[in-house]
Protein backbone atom coordinates (compact mmCIF):
# COMPACT_ATOMS: atom_id res chain seq x y z
CA MET A 1 -1.62 -124.30 24.74
CA SER A 2 -1.04 -120.75 25.89
CA LEU A 3 -3.57 -117.99 25.36
CA ASP A 4 -1.32 -116.55 22.63
CA GLU A 5 -1.38 -119.87 20.75
CA ILE A 6 -5.18 -120.04 20.99
CA ASP A 7 -5.49 -116.44 19.77
CA ALA A 8 -3.12 -117.21 16.89
CA ILE A 9 -5.23 -120.22 15.85
CA ASN A 10 -8.46 -118.19 16.08
CA PHE A 11 -6.89 -115.33 14.13
CA SER A 12 -5.65 -117.68 11.43
CA THR A 13 -9.10 -119.28 11.09
CA THR A 14 -10.86 -115.91 11.09
CA LEU A 15 -8.49 -114.47 8.49
CA ASN A 16 -8.82 -117.54 6.27
CA ASP A 17 -12.63 -117.37 6.52
CA PHE A 18 -12.60 -113.65 5.71
CA LEU A 19 -10.37 -114.08 2.64
CA THR A 20 -12.42 -117.04 1.40
CA ILE A 21 -15.60 -114.96 1.58
CA PHE A 22 -13.89 -111.90 0.07
CA PHE A 23 -12.59 -113.76 -2.99
CA ARG A 24 -15.90 -115.62 -3.45
CA LEU A 25 -17.73 -112.28 -3.48
CA TRP A 26 -15.06 -110.86 -5.80
CA GLU A 27 -16.04 -113.50 -8.35
CA GLU A 28 -19.78 -113.69 -7.73
CA SER A 29 -20.94 -110.22 -6.68
CA ARG A 30 -18.42 -107.41 -6.21
CA TRP A 31 -21.24 -105.10 -5.13
CA ASP A 32 -21.61 -107.22 -1.96
CA LEU A 33 -18.06 -106.28 -0.94
CA ARG A 34 -19.33 -102.80 -0.03
CA ASN A 35 -19.69 -103.65 3.67
CA LEU A 36 -16.01 -104.56 3.87
CA TYR A 37 -14.72 -101.14 2.78
CA ASP A 38 -14.48 -98.11 5.06
CA ASP A 39 -15.35 -94.68 3.63
CA SER A 40 -11.66 -93.80 3.82
CA ALA A 41 -10.48 -97.02 2.11
CA VAL A 42 -8.06 -96.54 -0.79
CA PHE A 43 -7.72 -98.87 -3.78
CA SER A 44 -4.58 -98.46 -5.91
CA SER A 45 -4.18 -99.70 -9.44
CA ILE A 46 -0.69 -99.77 -10.91
CA LEU A 47 -0.03 -101.10 -14.38
CA ALA A 48 2.92 -103.35 -15.19
CA LYS A 49 6.28 -101.54 -15.24
CA GLN A 50 6.82 -101.98 -18.96
CA GLY A 51 3.70 -99.97 -19.83
CA ARG A 52 3.51 -97.68 -16.82
CA LYS A 53 3.48 -93.91 -17.04
CA ALA A 54 2.88 -91.52 -14.17
CA SER A 55 -0.74 -91.09 -15.25
CA ALA A 56 -1.29 -94.87 -15.21
CA ILE A 57 -1.12 -95.03 -11.40
CA THR A 58 -4.58 -94.41 -9.99
CA LYS A 59 -5.99 -94.27 -6.47
CA SER A 60 -9.67 -94.46 -5.67
CA THR A 61 -11.00 -93.47 -2.26
CA GLY A 62 -14.34 -94.56 -0.80
CA TRP A 63 -16.65 -97.38 -1.79
CA THR A 64 -18.28 -95.73 -4.82
CA SER A 65 -14.92 -94.98 -6.45
CA ILE A 66 -13.53 -98.40 -5.55
CA LEU A 67 -16.58 -100.21 -6.98
CA ASN A 68 -16.20 -98.24 -10.21
CA ILE A 69 -12.62 -99.51 -10.59
CA ILE A 70 -13.07 -103.13 -9.47
CA SER A 71 -16.15 -103.54 -11.66
CA GLN A 72 -13.90 -103.04 -14.68
CA LEU A 73 -11.43 -105.76 -13.67
CA HIS A 74 -11.53 -109.21 -15.26
CA ALA A 75 -12.89 -112.38 -13.70
CA LEU A 76 -10.36 -114.92 -12.42
CA LEU A 77 -9.51 -118.39 -13.70
CA ASN A 78 -8.04 -119.90 -10.54
CA ASP A 79 -8.83 -120.14 -6.84
CA LEU A 80 -6.81 -117.36 -5.22
CA MET A 81 -6.79 -119.11 -1.85
CA THR A 82 -4.29 -121.66 -3.20
CA ASN A 83 -1.63 -119.04 -4.07
CA LEU A 84 -1.59 -116.72 -1.05
CA ILE A 85 1.17 -115.55 1.25
CA ILE A 86 -0.25 -113.76 4.28
CA ASP A 87 1.89 -111.46 6.46
CA PRO A 88 -0.05 -110.32 9.57
CA HIS A 89 1.48 -107.64 11.82
CA PRO A 90 -0.17 -106.50 15.08
CA ILE A 91 -0.20 -102.70 15.26
CA SER A 92 -2.22 -102.28 18.46
CA LEU A 93 -3.15 -104.59 21.32
CA HIS A 94 -5.97 -102.58 22.95
CA PRO A 95 -8.08 -102.65 20.87
CA LEU A 96 -6.50 -105.39 18.80
CA GLN A 97 -5.65 -104.10 15.33
CA ILE A 98 -3.74 -106.07 12.75
CA LEU A 99 -2.23 -104.92 9.47
CA CYS A 100 -2.35 -107.83 7.07
CA ASN A 101 -0.47 -107.87 3.76
CA VAL A 102 -1.79 -110.45 1.32
CA HIS A 103 0.38 -111.44 -1.65
CA GLY A 104 -0.83 -113.71 -4.41
CA SER A 105 -1.06 -114.48 -8.10
CA PHE A 106 -3.93 -115.21 -10.44
CA SER A 107 -4.89 -115.76 -14.06
CA GLU A 108 -7.44 -113.49 -15.70
CA PHE A 109 -10.40 -114.77 -17.66
CA PRO A 110 -10.77 -114.96 -20.66
CA LYS A 111 -7.21 -113.99 -21.71
CA SER A 112 -5.30 -116.15 -19.16
CA ASN A 113 -2.91 -113.28 -18.35
CA GLN A 114 -0.83 -114.13 -15.28
CA ARG A 115 -0.88 -111.34 -12.64
CA ALA A 116 0.33 -110.78 -9.09
CA PHE A 117 -1.08 -108.61 -6.32
CA ASP A 118 -0.28 -107.25 -2.85
């Protein structure tokens, strides 16, 4: 195996571990996600197109604002790790920085509404 292949395996394992922990905390204790968000982090919430108006698109910046929004979101019915598509893109090699887009779908509890996210 080349060094690149080893790094790819380690990255894949690390990313999978991170997402597993993130989604477990999402369900069990969203407050504990605070260490994963930078002060400049932005969380966007966009409603479905059929009910969307310009005022329905919101952006929250910083952990306190983000926690306020995610605390209002429903619990999930399914394990998100089974429905993920992960698109990693290196943006810098020194230091290594990776932009990772995560796409998935889930069902809300208790209404069983089917949703998707990026």
